[in-house]
Each structure stands twice: as C-alpha cells, then as structure tokens.
Protein backbone atom coordinates (compact mmCIF):
# COMPACT_ATOMS: atom_id res chain seq x y z
CA MET A 1 -31.25 -13.02 -17.19
CA VAL A 2 -30.36 -13.12 -13.58
CA VAL A 3 -30.24 -9.19 -11.98
CA GLY A 4 -27.64 -9.23 -9.42
CA ILE A 5 -28.84 -6.72 -6.13
CA LEU A 6 -26.33 -3.94 -7.64
CA ASP A 7 -28.39 -3.81 -10.35
CA PRO A 8 -28.70 0.00 -11.38
CA SER A 9 -32.14 0.64 -12.06
CA ALA A 10 -32.15 -1.33 -8.05
CA LEU A 11 -29.45 1.11 -6.69
CA ILE A 12 -31.24 4.03 -8.05
CA ALA A 13 -34.17 2.98 -6.83
CA SER A 14 -32.69 2.39 -2.87
CA LEU A 15 -30.37 5.59 -3.05
CA PRO A 16 -33.60 8.61 -1.83
CA ASN A 17 -34.55 6.62 1.03
CA LEU A 18 -31.08 6.34 2.38
CA LEU A 19 -31.38 10.84 1.87
CA PRO A 20 -31.51 12.24 5.43
CA LEU A 21 -35.52 12.21 6.02
CA ASN A 22 -35.86 15.80 6.26
CA LYS A 23 -33.10 16.89 3.10
CA LYS A 24 -33.27 14.44 -0.05
CA ARG A 25 -30.68 17.31 -2.02
CA LEU A 26 -28.46 16.28 -3.94
CA GLU A 27 -26.57 19.17 -3.90
CA SER A 28 -23.12 18.74 -6.79
CA GLN A 29 -21.90 15.67 -8.23
CA GLN A 30 -19.71 14.63 -6.09
CA ASP A 31 -22.89 14.41 -3.42
CA ALA A 32 -24.25 11.91 -5.71
CA ILE A 33 -21.27 9.62 -6.29
CA THR A 34 -21.13 9.28 -2.60
CA ALA A 35 -24.33 8.62 -1.82
CA LEU A 36 -24.49 5.94 -4.82
CA VAL A 37 -20.97 4.83 -3.40
CA HIS A 38 -23.04 4.12 0.09
CA THR A 39 -26.04 2.38 -1.45
CA ALA A 40 -24.10 0.22 -2.67
CA PHE A 41 -22.31 -0.28 0.42
CA HIS A 42 -25.67 -0.37 2.44
CA THR A 43 -27.14 -3.21 0.09
CA LEU A 44 -23.92 -5.35 0.71
CA SER A 45 -24.89 -5.38 4.43
CA PHE A 46 -22.12 -2.87 5.48
CA ARG A 47 -23.24 -1.32 8.59
CA LEU A 48 -23.11 2.58 8.87
CA ILE A 49 -21.32 3.78 12.10
CA ALA A 50 -20.26 7.14 11.23
CA ILE A 51 -19.29 10.02 9.00
CA ASP A 52 -16.21 11.51 10.32
CA ASP A 53 -13.61 10.28 11.41
CA SER A 54 -13.67 11.65 15.23
CA THR A 55 -17.73 10.54 16.46
CA PRO A 56 -17.96 7.12 18.55
CA GLU A 57 -19.35 4.68 15.95
CA GLY A 58 -22.60 3.73 16.28
CA SER A 59 -25.44 2.80 14.38
CA THR A 60 -28.17 4.95 11.77
CA LEU A 61 -32.11 4.08 11.44
CA ASN A 62 -31.54 1.38 8.26
CA GLY A 63 -28.41 2.84 6.66
CA VAL A 64 -30.21 6.64 6.42
CA LEU A 65 -27.56 9.16 5.91
CA PRO A 66 -27.42 12.01 8.52
CA ASP A 67 -27.91 15.05 7.48
CA SER A 68 -24.40 16.72 8.04
CA TRP A 69 -23.23 14.40 5.41
CA ASN A 70 -22.53 16.38 2.96
CA VAL A 71 -21.50 19.35 5.05
CA GLN A 72 -17.52 19.04 3.83
CA GLY A 73 -18.49 18.88 0.47
CA PRO A 74 -17.84 18.91 -2.46
CA GLY A 75 -14.85 18.49 -1.50
CA ASN A 76 -15.00 15.62 1.07
CA TYR A 77 -16.70 13.22 2.35
CA THR A 78 -16.18 10.84 4.88
CA LEU A 79 -17.80 6.93 5.54
CA ARG A 80 -16.94 4.60 8.46
CA TYR A 81 -18.83 0.97 8.08
CA ARG A 82 -18.19 -2.18 10.22
CA HIS A 83 -20.01 -5.36 8.09
CA GLU A 84 -20.92 -8.74 9.81
CA GLN A 85 -18.59 -11.37 8.31
CA SER A 86 -15.68 -9.34 9.40
CA SER A 87 -13.87 -7.69 12.68
CA LEU A 88 -12.34 -4.50 10.45
CA GLU A 89 -13.88 -1.53 10.51
CA PHE A 90 -14.02 0.19 6.69
CA VAL A 91 -13.45 3.61 6.27
CA VAL A 92 -14.17 5.30 2.41
CA LYS A 93 -13.50 8.64 2.08
CA VAL A 94 -14.54 10.68 -1.42
CA LEU A 95 -12.35 13.67 -2.27
CA LYS A 96 -12.98 16.18 -5.59
CA LEU A 97 -9.93 16.37 -7.19
CA GLY A 98 -10.08 19.11 -10.14
CA ASN A 99 -12.12 17.49 -12.38
CA ARG A 100 -11.97 14.08 -10.98
CA THR A 101 -13.36 12.36 -7.68
CA LEU A 102 -11.06 10.10 -5.78
CA ILE A 103 -12.38 7.45 -3.75
CA ASN A 104 -9.99 6.00 -0.96
CA ALA A 105 -10.66 3.06 1.18
CA ILE A 106 -9.21 1.48 3.82
CA ALA A 107 -9.39 -1.61 6.58
CA VAL A 108 -8.70 0.27 9.75
CA GLU A 109 -7.00 -2.67 11.38
CA SER A 110 -5.31 -4.90 8.52
CA ASP A 111 -4.55 -1.94 6.80
CA LYS A 112 -5.04 -2.75 3.60
CA THR A 113 -6.18 0.08 0.89
CA ALA A 114 -7.85 0.38 -2.09
CA SER A 115 -8.12 3.55 -4.45
CA LEU A 116 -10.73 4.40 -7.39
CA ASP A 117 -10.10 7.76 -9.44
CA ILE A 118 -12.14 8.49 -12.23
CA SER A 119 -13.18 11.07 -14.11
CA THR A 120 -16.26 12.61 -12.69
CA ASN A 121 -18.19 14.04 -15.87
CA ASP A 122 -18.37 10.31 -16.98
CA PHE A 123 -20.64 9.37 -14.56
CA THR A 124 -22.68 12.37 -13.28
CA SER A 125 -24.37 15.37 -15.13
CA PRO A 126 -22.69 18.79 -13.77
CA SER A 127 -26.03 20.48 -15.45
CA PHE A 128 -28.42 17.78 -13.66
CA TYR A 129 -26.90 19.34 -9.79
CA PRO A 130 -28.62 21.02 -7.87
CA ILE A 131 -31.71 18.13 -7.31
CA ASP A 132 -34.14 17.10 -4.31
CA ALA A 133 -35.32 13.83 -4.97
CA GLN A 134 -37.96 14.39 -3.25
CA ALA A 135 -39.96 17.45 -5.41
CA VAL A 136 -42.59 16.65 -7.93
CA ASN A 137 -41.88 16.34 -11.28
CA GLN A 138 -38.43 16.37 -11.15
CA PRO A 139 -36.25 14.27 -13.64
CA PRO A 140 -35.42 10.72 -13.25
CA LEU A 141 -32.60 10.40 -10.94
CA ILE A 142 -31.04 8.20 -13.39
CA HIS A 143 -30.71 11.07 -15.76
CA GLY A 144 -28.37 12.67 -13.33
CA TYR A 145 -25.95 9.39 -13.57
CA ILE A 146 -26.06 10.07 -17.40
CA SER A 147 -27.77 6.67 -17.86
CA SER A 148 -27.33 3.11 -16.17
CA ASN A 149 -24.66 1.82 -18.74
CA ARG A 150 -22.41 4.38 -16.49
CA VAL A 151 -23.90 3.26 -13.55
CA THR A 152 -22.81 -0.58 -14.32
CA ASP A 153 -19.71 0.46 -15.37
CA PHE A 154 -19.36 2.58 -12.07
CA ILE A 155 -20.55 0.02 -9.56
CA GLY A 156 -18.00 -2.53 -11.43
CA GLN A 157 -15.20 -0.44 -10.75
CA LEU A 158 -16.87 0.49 -7.39
CA LYS A 159 -16.64 -3.17 -6.45
CA LEU A 160 -13.74 -4.78 -8.42
CA LYS A 161 -11.17 -1.73 -7.12
CA ILE A 162 -12.72 -0.85 -3.30
CA ILE A 163 -14.52 -3.83 -2.41
CA GLN A 164 -13.45 -7.13 -3.27
CA ASN A 165 -9.82 -5.53 -1.91
CA LEU A 166 -11.42 -4.92 1.45
CA MET A 167 -13.62 -8.10 1.73
CA PRO A 168 -12.42 -10.44 -0.73
CA GLY A 169 -14.80 -13.28 -0.46
CA LEU A 170 -17.77 -11.65 0.73
CA TYR A 171 -20.82 -13.68 0.41
CA LYS A 172 -24.00 -11.53 -0.36
CA GLU A 173 -27.63 -13.36 -2.46
CA GLY A 174 -27.65 -11.73 -5.49
CA TYR A 175 -24.13 -10.67 -5.15
CA SER A 176 -20.97 -12.14 -7.02
CA GLU A 177 -16.96 -10.89 -8.00
CA GLY A 178 -15.76 -10.34 -10.77
CA SER A 179 -12.90 -9.86 -13.38
CA ASP A 180 -11.93 -6.20 -14.36
CA PRO A 181 -13.74 -6.65 -18.25
CA SER A 182 -11.22 -3.59 -19.34
CA GLN A 183 -8.30 -5.85 -19.70
CA SER A 184 -9.00 -8.10 -22.31
CA ARG A 185 -5.86 -10.76 -23.46
CA ASP A 186 -4.51 -12.46 -26.56
CA PRO A 187 -3.61 -15.97 -26.63
CA ARG A 188 -0.74 -15.50 -25.21
CA GLY A 189 -2.62 -13.95 -21.29
CA GLU A 190 -0.82 -11.10 -21.88
CA SER A 191 -2.93 -7.48 -21.56
CA SER A 192 -4.06 -6.10 -25.15
CA ALA A 193 -3.42 -2.33 -23.25
CA ASN A 194 0.48 -3.42 -22.63
CA ASN A 195 0.97 -6.03 -25.90
CA THR A 196 2.01 -2.77 -28.30
CA ALA A 197 4.93 -0.66 -26.72
CA ARG A 198 6.17 -4.68 -25.29
CA PRO A 199 8.72 -6.14 -27.91
CA GLN A 200 7.73 -9.50 -28.38
CA PRO A 201 10.37 -12.32 -28.91
CA PHE A 202 10.81 -15.20 -30.76
CA SER A 203 8.87 -18.07 -29.35
CA PRO A 204 9.03 -21.97 -28.66
CA PRO A 205 7.45 -23.50 -31.74
CA ASP A 206 4.19 -25.03 -31.70
CA VAL A 207 3.25 -22.19 -28.84
CA PRO A 208 -0.34 -21.26 -28.98
CA GLY A 209 -0.55 -17.45 -30.45
CA ARG A 210 2.80 -18.61 -32.75
CA PRO A 211 2.48 -16.72 -35.97
CA LEU A 212 2.53 -18.81 -38.93
CA GLY A 213 6.12 -18.55 -41.29
CA GLU A 214 7.85 -17.17 -37.86
CA PRO A 215 11.61 -17.97 -37.97
CA SER A 216 13.05 -20.50 -34.90
CA HIS A 217 16.10 -21.99 -34.15
CA ILE A 218 14.91 -24.12 -31.57
CA PRO A 219 14.25 -27.88 -33.14
CA SER A 220 10.70 -28.99 -32.58
CA GLY A 221 10.18 -32.29 -31.20
CA ASN A 222 8.83 -33.66 -27.02
CA PRO A 223 10.68 -31.73 -24.57
CA LEU A 224 9.72 -34.54 -22.96
CA GLU A 225 12.71 -36.38 -24.14
CA ILE A 226 15.12 -34.19 -23.58
CA GLY A 227 18.11 -36.19 -21.63
CA ARG A 228 16.48 -39.61 -21.59
CA ARG A 229 20.03 -40.72 -23.61
CA ASP A 230 21.52 -39.59 -20.08
CA LEU A 231 20.92 -43.01 -18.91
CA ASP A 232 22.55 -43.91 -22.01
CA PRO A 233 25.39 -41.45 -22.70
CA LEU A 234 27.30 -43.91 -25.12
CA GLY A 235 24.40 -45.43 -27.28
CA VAL A 236 25.34 -48.92 -25.25
CA ASP A 237 22.52 -50.68 -24.03
CA PRO A 238 23.77 -53.06 -21.32
CA LEU A 239 20.43 -53.43 -19.81
CA GLY A 240 18.09 -54.55 -22.59
CA SER A 241 14.79 -54.40 -22.59
CA PHE A 242 15.34 -52.44 -18.51
CA ARG A 243 16.36 -49.50 -20.71
CA PRO A 244 13.09 -47.22 -20.46
CA PRO A 245 10.89 -47.51 -23.13
CA GLN A 246 10.59 -43.97 -24.86
CA LEU A 247 7.69 -41.61 -25.62
CA PHE A 248 7.99 -40.76 -28.43
CA PRO A 249 10.27 -42.77 -31.21
CA GLY A 250 12.37 -41.49 -33.53
CA SER A 251 14.10 -38.99 -30.90
CA ASP A 252 17.20 -40.27 -30.70
CA GLY A 253 20.56 -38.21 -30.26
CA ASP A 254 20.69 -36.75 -27.39
CA GLY A 255 22.04 -37.25 -23.59
CA MET A 256 25.71 -35.81 -22.50
CA PHE A 257 27.37 -38.16 -25.15
CA VAL A 258 27.35 -35.50 -28.12
CA GLY A 259 27.29 -37.32 -31.27
CA PRO A 260 26.96 -35.74 -34.59
CA ASN A 261 23.16 -36.63 -34.17
CA HIS A 262 22.77 -34.72 -31.52
CA PRO A 263 19.27 -32.41 -31.25
CA ILE A 264 21.33 -29.24 -30.27
CA PHE A 265 23.13 -29.39 -34.39
CA GLY A 266 19.85 -29.27 -35.34
CA GLN A 267 18.50 -30.89 -38.62
CA ARG A 268 20.99 -32.60 -40.41
CA ASP A 269 19.85 -30.95 -43.89
CA ARG A 270 19.21 -27.45 -44.50
CA GLY A 271 16.29 -28.38 -46.66
CA THR A 272 14.44 -29.10 -43.69
CA PHE A 273 15.87 -26.28 -41.59
CA PRO A 274 16.65 -23.62 -44.07
CA ASN A 275 17.78 -21.74 -41.06
CA ARG A 276 21.04 -23.57 -40.65
CA GLY A 277 24.33 -20.89 -41.17
CA PRO A 278 27.22 -21.87 -43.04
CA TRP A 279 29.26 -22.42 -40.17
CA GLY A 280 26.21 -25.34 -39.09
CA GLY A 281 24.52 -25.09 -35.69
CA ASP A 282 21.59 -23.30 -35.68
CA GLY A 283 22.19 -20.24 -37.91
CA PHE A 284 22.72 -17.45 -35.57
CA LEU A 285 26.42 -17.32 -35.22
CA PRO A 286 26.89 -14.03 -37.15
CA PRO A 287 29.88 -13.79 -40.39
CA MET A 288 33.28 -13.25 -38.98
CA GLY A 289 32.19 -14.87 -35.88
CA ALA A 290 35.72 -16.27 -35.31
CA PRO A 291 38.59 -13.32 -34.69
CA PRO A 292 41.21 -13.53 -37.49
CA GLY A 293 43.72 -15.49 -36.50
CA ALA A 294 41.88 -17.82 -34.45
CA ARG A 295 41.52 -21.76 -34.06
CA PHE A 296 37.59 -21.70 -34.90
CA ASP A 297 35.90 -24.98 -34.05
CA PRO A 298 32.75 -24.97 -35.96
CA VAL A 299 29.72 -25.86 -34.59
CA GLY A 300 28.69 -28.45 -37.29
CA PRO A 301 28.03 -31.43 -38.61
CA PHE A 302 27.62 -30.11 -41.64
CA ARG A 303 25.35 -31.15 -44.65
CA GLY A 304 26.86 -33.59 -47.13
CA GLY A 305 30.54 -35.24 -46.50
CA PRO A 306 34.40 -34.23 -45.85
CA GLY A 307 35.20 -31.36 -47.71
CA GLN A 308 31.86 -29.81 -47.57
CA GLY A 309 32.12 -27.27 -43.90
CA PRO A 310 34.09 -24.84 -42.76
CA ARG A 311 37.41 -25.85 -41.22
CA GLY A 312 39.92 -25.19 -38.65
CA GLY A 313 41.98 -21.62 -37.99
CA MET A 314 40.23 -18.66 -39.50
CA PRO A 315 36.50 -19.55 -40.94
CA GLY A 316 36.99 -20.97 -44.15
CA GLY A 317 39.81 -23.42 -43.88
CA GLY A 318 41.78 -25.73 -42.97
CA ASN A 319 40.68 -29.37 -41.07
CA LEU A 320 38.27 -30.78 -43.48
CA HIS A 321 37.29 -33.31 -41.13
CA GLY A 322 35.27 -31.77 -38.62
CA PRO A 323 35.80 -30.08 -35.35
CA ASP A 324 39.57 -29.62 -34.14
CA ASN A 325 40.60 -32.18 -31.63
CA ASP A 326 43.37 -29.60 -30.04
CA GLU A 327 45.02 -32.69 -30.39
CA PHE A 328 49.05 -30.61 -29.21
CA MET A 329 49.45 -28.97 -25.88
CA PRO A 330 48.96 -24.93 -26.28
CA PRO A 331 52.28 -23.66 -27.23
CA GLY A 332 54.85 -23.29 -23.41
CA ALA A 333 52.79 -25.35 -22.19
CA GLY A 334 56.00 -27.82 -21.31
CA ASP A 335 57.69 -24.69 -19.90
CA MET A 336 57.63 -24.80 -15.86
CA PHE A 337 58.80 -20.94 -16.06
CA MET A 338 56.30 -19.59 -17.91
C-alpha cells in the first residue's frame, strides 16, 4: 500500500517540530487543529510568511511557527502562505464558534474562497489539552486527535474543501487530489443524501437503475430511428436503393405522415402494451377528459376493427371509423359579419 505524504503518522510526527522552539505547548483544542492545519500546508510546500493580516511578509525558518502564533487563541488564528507553484498569497483563518471550529481560506489576488466547518470534539479530545509536546512521559500526541482515523478524516476534508479549492492541480510527490467519500451515489448518479427527499418520476424504458416492472407509457425501440421516415413522409421510395438503410429492422411508421402505425399511438395490441387506455394512445387520457358536448377526436388507433373504439362527440358515441375528419366548416364560418 502506497503511503501519501499526508499520512496521519507522518503528520503527527512532524507537528512538534513546527511548534516554537521554546514553547511547544498546545493550550487548547483550537491550538491543536491550527497546528495540524499548518503541518499539512507545510508538508505540501506552502511557505509561511506571516501570522497576522498586517505584518509584511517574510519567511520563517523551516516553517516553524513564531512564539506569538496562538496569542489570540483559542478564538482566532491567522496563517499566511505562498507557494512556488502559484503567484497568489493564501490566507487561512481558524475560528472558534461555540463547539465548532471554522476554517476559512482565500487566495487573496483572485478572491477565491474556501471554507470548512467541523465539530471540534469530533476531531480533538477536550480532556487532553493543555499539553507540552516536549515533556517527558506525556501520552502520545495522537490521543489528542482521538485516533489516526480521525486525523485521516480531517485531512481528507481539509484537502477537499480547502487545499483543492485554493490550488487545484497542486503537484507534490506523494500527494494526490481526491473526491468526497461521504457523497455516495446511486446508479442514476444522484447523491444518496438527496435521494430520499426528491420525488422520482417515471424513467424511460431501458434506463439503468429503472426498477423492474415500473410502468411506462413510452414505447420501446431504438431512439436513433425516430424521424428516419421524415426522408420519405408518404411511405413511397422513389429513390429505390438510394434510401438510407435502417439501423434496426422493424422500426417503421414514424415520420411526418401520421398513420395508424405511427409510434405516437404505441402498440396496437393491448395484450403487449397493457397501459393503453380506452381512448387509445398512451392511456394517460383521464376519464371524461373531453368536456361534455365536445367534438372529440380519440387518440387511437384502437384494438380490433371498426366499431370497437370511441366515436366522435361525447366519448362513447358516434363515428365508428376513427377520428373526426372535420369535413364541415364551423357554424357561422361563411357569415362575413361574424
């Protein structure tokens, strides 16, 4: 297994060396979090240039924190960095907000910001601090961060939410950018955290992840064949062999000429397409969908021969031979004064 440079054991071993030479104390949980943040940035070759907003930038020896790095703790910490792979200045602030710790960062010249909000007690042990990292017979420093797994989780979030946003594409041997492991996705590509509250509409047939047996009013077939008959709208092939070949056989009936075999009418046989309704089509016309007295053109064609489908006018009466062709002019259409 390849161990990265942000491995918890490597970071915890390096952290005491980045504390001030004569003051290797961590007074609070926020001290510990800020020191771990600085250790991660230093490991990725970020160069510490100041610990406040006003001091002119300058380099510290080997990235060691100045003696006054935590004088405003545990409420507020400021770390300013530069990196050889960027011309930008990066400012990181660690703030205490009740039982939470907020890490804000910005690439100053580009105004690109990043933020990470964590529960302080999830990643540090309140009973462990204060501690002198130089003292003899002290418990292992990793206990102050609860466990190696918690350090891994924290560094993963720091990398994803802060470092990758400030410097995408950062190159460092042993470092790789990653994705958020907490956002698991289902086969439809949606976050599982958002699935439960979002209504799921009917999906088209043959879509991966579509539940077996889910009803659909969309006829199956090759979508690439839809519109192929636009090249021959009347079903006549005057060009003979010059007609483009079909990608799949048996996909007749589509195009501009809407005949009884057109795909908009679905399958002709209700035995193979049980969702067909009594008025033909896709079966989604509700009962009494046509207003009383309306001249109703059913959306057929219908199963069987003449006399087995709805008529014109009120659903259920008249016109045994299919849709009303509207041969006559509307009442009063010839009156020029209307």
